[in-house]
Amino acid sequence: MVDIKIKDLNKEDKPRERLEMHGASVLTDAELLAMVLRSGGRNVSVLTLAQQILSAFKGFKGLLN
């Protein structure tokens, strides 16, 4: 898994900007969760952390349960 940092993305590829321009339906579950989390850990980006959480809980449904 590649550790992608939001600050390294082009402006039009950043989740918050894509949400504003196109709506939530264009974002991945990891991008939506990353927006809620707002920041990652010392050695992991927020996008990677969101992917790890969703993987561990098998998606949003598992996280809700």
N, C-alpha and C. Protein backbone atom coordinates (compact mmCIF):
# COMPACT_ATOMS: atom_id res chain seq x y z
N MET A 1 0.84 -1.18 0.00
CA MET A 1 0.00 0.00 0.00
C MET A 1 0.89 1.24 0.00
N VAL A 2 0.62 2.15 -0.90
CA VAL A 2 1.38 3.40 -1.03
C VAL A 2 0.83 4.42 -0.04
N ASP A 3 1.71 5.08 0.68
CA ASP A 3 1.30 6.09 1.65
C ASP A 3 1.18 7.44 0.96
N ILE A 4 -0.03 7.77 0.51
CA ILE A 4 -0.28 9.02 -0.22
C ILE A 4 -0.70 10.10 0.76
N LYS A 5 -0.03 11.22 0.70
CA LYS A 5 -0.37 12.34 1.56
C LYS A 5 -1.25 13.32 0.78
N ILE A 6 -2.28 13.81 1.41
CA ILE A 6 -3.20 14.73 0.74
C ILE A 6 -2.48 15.98 0.28
N LYS A 7 -1.53 16.46 1.05
CA LYS A 7 -0.81 17.68 0.66
C LYS A 7 0.00 17.48 -0.62
N ASP A 8 0.31 16.23 -0.97
CA ASP A 8 1.07 15.96 -2.18
C ASP A 8 0.20 15.81 -3.43
N LEU A 9 -1.11 15.77 -3.25
CA LEU A 9 -2.03 15.64 -4.39
C LEU A 9 -2.22 16.98 -5.09
N ASN A 10 -2.53 16.93 -6.37
CA ASN A 10 -2.93 18.14 -7.09
C ASN A 10 -4.23 18.65 -6.48
N LYS A 11 -4.45 19.94 -6.56
CA LYS A 11 -5.64 20.54 -5.94
C LYS A 11 -6.92 19.85 -6.39
N GLU A 12 -7.05 19.55 -7.69
CA GLU A 12 -8.28 18.95 -8.19
C GLU A 12 -8.43 17.48 -7.78
N ASP A 13 -7.38 16.88 -7.23
CA ASP A 13 -7.44 15.48 -6.78
C ASP A 13 -7.66 15.35 -5.27
N LYS A 14 -7.64 16.46 -4.56
CA LYS A 14 -7.82 16.42 -3.11
C LYS A 14 -9.28 16.14 -2.78
N PRO A 15 -9.52 15.26 -1.80
CA PRO A 15 -10.90 14.85 -1.48
C PRO A 15 -11.85 16.01 -1.17
N ARG A 16 -11.42 16.96 -0.38
CA ARG A 16 -12.32 18.06 -0.01
C ARG A 16 -12.73 18.89 -1.23
N GLU A 17 -11.79 19.14 -2.11
CA GLU A 17 -12.08 19.91 -3.32
C GLU A 17 -12.99 19.10 -4.26
N ARG A 18 -12.72 17.80 -4.38
CA ARG A 18 -13.57 16.95 -5.22
C ARG A 18 -14.98 16.86 -4.66
N LEU A 19 -15.10 16.83 -3.34
CA LEU A 19 -16.41 16.83 -2.69
C LEU A 19 -17.18 18.09 -3.04
N GLU A 20 -16.52 19.23 -2.94
CA GLU A 20 -17.16 20.51 -3.25
C GLU A 20 -17.57 20.60 -4.72
N MET A 21 -16.72 20.10 -5.61
CA MET A 21 -16.98 20.23 -7.05
C MET A 21 -17.97 19.19 -7.58
N HIS A 22 -17.90 17.96 -7.06
CA HIS A 22 -18.65 16.86 -7.67
C HIS A 22 -19.61 16.12 -6.74
N GLY A 23 -19.50 16.34 -5.44
CA GLY A 23 -20.36 15.64 -4.49
C GLY A 23 -19.71 14.40 -3.92
N ALA A 24 -20.31 13.87 -2.86
CA ALA A 24 -19.74 12.74 -2.11
C ALA A 24 -19.67 11.45 -2.93
N SER A 25 -20.50 11.32 -3.94
CA SER A 25 -20.55 10.07 -4.70
C SER A 25 -19.26 9.78 -5.46
N VAL A 26 -18.41 10.79 -5.68
CA VAL A 26 -17.17 10.56 -6.42
C VAL A 26 -16.01 10.15 -5.51
N LEU A 27 -16.21 10.24 -4.20
CA LEU A 27 -15.14 9.91 -3.27
C LEU A 27 -15.19 8.43 -2.87
N THR A 28 -14.02 7.88 -2.58
CA THR A 28 -13.95 6.52 -2.08
C THR A 28 -14.32 6.53 -0.60
N ASP A 29 -14.63 5.37 -0.06
CA ASP A 29 -14.92 5.28 1.37
C ASP A 29 -13.72 5.76 2.19
N ALA A 30 -12.52 5.42 1.75
CA ALA A 30 -11.32 5.84 2.47
C ALA A 30 -11.18 7.36 2.46
N GLU A 31 -11.50 7.99 1.35
CA GLU A 31 -11.42 9.45 1.28
C GLU A 31 -12.46 10.10 2.20
N LEU A 32 -13.65 9.54 2.25
CA LEU A 32 -14.68 10.08 3.14
C LEU A 32 -14.26 9.95 4.60
N LEU A 33 -13.75 8.78 4.97
CA LEU A 33 -13.29 8.58 6.35
C LEU A 33 -12.10 9.48 6.66
N ALA A 34 -11.21 9.64 5.70
CA ALA A 34 -10.04 10.52 5.90
C ALA A 34 -10.47 11.94 6.21
N MET A 35 -11.54 12.39 5.58
CA MET A 35 -12.03 13.74 5.84
C MET A 35 -12.57 13.86 7.26
N VAL A 36 -13.17 12.80 7.77
CA VAL A 36 -13.66 12.81 9.15
C VAL A 36 -12.49 12.77 10.12
N LEU A 37 -11.51 11.92 9.83
CA LEU A 37 -10.35 11.78 10.72
C LEU A 37 -9.49 13.04 10.75
N ARG A 38 -9.36 13.70 9.61
CA ARG A 38 -8.62 14.96 9.42
C ARG A 38 -7.10 14.83 9.44
N SER A 39 -6.53 13.92 10.20
CA SER A 39 -5.07 13.76 10.19
C SER A 39 -4.69 12.32 10.47
N GLY A 40 -3.52 11.96 10.01
CA GLY A 40 -3.02 10.61 10.21
C GLY A 40 -2.15 10.55 11.45
N GLY A 41 -1.30 9.56 11.47
CA GLY A 41 -0.38 9.40 12.59
C GLY A 41 1.00 9.91 12.24
N ARG A 42 1.92 9.71 13.12
CA ARG A 42 3.28 10.19 12.91
C ARG A 42 3.90 9.61 11.65
N ASN A 43 3.68 8.33 11.41
CA ASN A 43 4.32 7.66 10.27
C ASN A 43 3.33 7.18 9.22
N VAL A 44 2.10 7.66 9.27
CA VAL A 44 1.09 7.21 8.32
C VAL A 44 0.18 8.37 7.94
N SER A 45 -0.10 8.47 6.64
CA SER A 45 -0.97 9.55 6.18
C SER A 45 -2.41 9.25 6.56
N VAL A 46 -3.24 10.26 6.55
CA VAL A 46 -4.65 10.08 6.90
C VAL A 46 -5.35 9.15 5.91
N LEU A 47 -4.96 9.19 4.63
CA LEU A 47 -5.58 8.29 3.65
C LEU A 47 -5.22 6.84 3.92
N THR A 48 -3.96 6.60 4.25
CA THR A 48 -3.53 5.23 4.57
C THR A 48 -4.20 4.75 5.85
N LEU A 49 -4.28 5.61 6.85
CA LEU A 49 -4.94 5.26 8.10
C LEU A 49 -6.40 4.91 7.85
N ALA A 50 -7.08 5.69 7.05
CA ALA A 50 -8.48 5.42 6.72
C ALA A 50 -8.61 4.07 6.01
N GLN A 51 -7.71 3.79 5.06
CA GLN A 51 -7.74 2.50 4.37
C GLN A 51 -7.51 1.35 5.33
N GLN A 52 -6.60 1.51 6.26
CA GLN A 52 -6.30 0.47 7.25
C GLN A 52 -7.51 0.21 8.16
N ILE A 53 -8.16 1.27 8.59
CA ILE A 53 -9.33 1.13 9.46
C ILE A 53 -10.45 0.40 8.72
N LEU A 54 -10.72 0.83 7.49
CA LEU A 54 -11.79 0.19 6.71
C LEU A 54 -11.46 -1.26 6.41
N SER A 55 -10.22 -1.56 6.17
CA SER A 55 -9.80 -2.94 5.92
C SER A 55 -9.97 -3.79 7.18
N ALA A 56 -9.55 -3.27 8.31
CA ALA A 56 -9.65 -4.01 9.57
C ALA A 56 -11.09 -4.31 9.96
N PHE A 57 -12.00 -3.37 9.65
CA PHE A 57 -13.40 -3.54 10.01
C PHE A 57 -14.26 -4.02 8.84
N LYS A 58 -13.61 -4.29 7.71
CA LYS A 58 -14.31 -4.76 6.51
C LYS A 58 -15.35 -3.76 6.01
N GLY A 59 -14.96 -2.51 5.96
CA GLY A 59 -15.80 -1.45 5.42
C GLY A 59 -16.56 -0.67 6.48
N PHE A 60 -17.37 0.28 6.02
CA PHE A 60 -18.14 1.12 6.92
C PHE A 60 -19.16 0.32 7.73
N LYS A 61 -19.75 -0.66 7.11
CA LYS A 61 -20.76 -1.47 7.81
C LYS A 61 -20.13 -2.15 9.03
N GLY A 62 -18.97 -2.74 8.86
CA GLY A 62 -18.28 -3.36 9.99
C GLY A 62 -17.87 -2.35 11.03
N LEU A 63 -17.47 -1.18 10.61
CA LEU A 63 -17.08 -0.12 11.53
C LEU A 63 -18.28 0.33 12.36
N LEU A 64 -19.44 0.42 11.74
CA LEU A 64 -20.66 0.81 12.46
C LEU A 64 -21.09 -0.24 13.47
N ASN A 65 -20.87 -1.50 13.12
CA ASN A 65 -21.24 -2.58 14.04
C ASN A 65 -20.28 -2.64 15.19
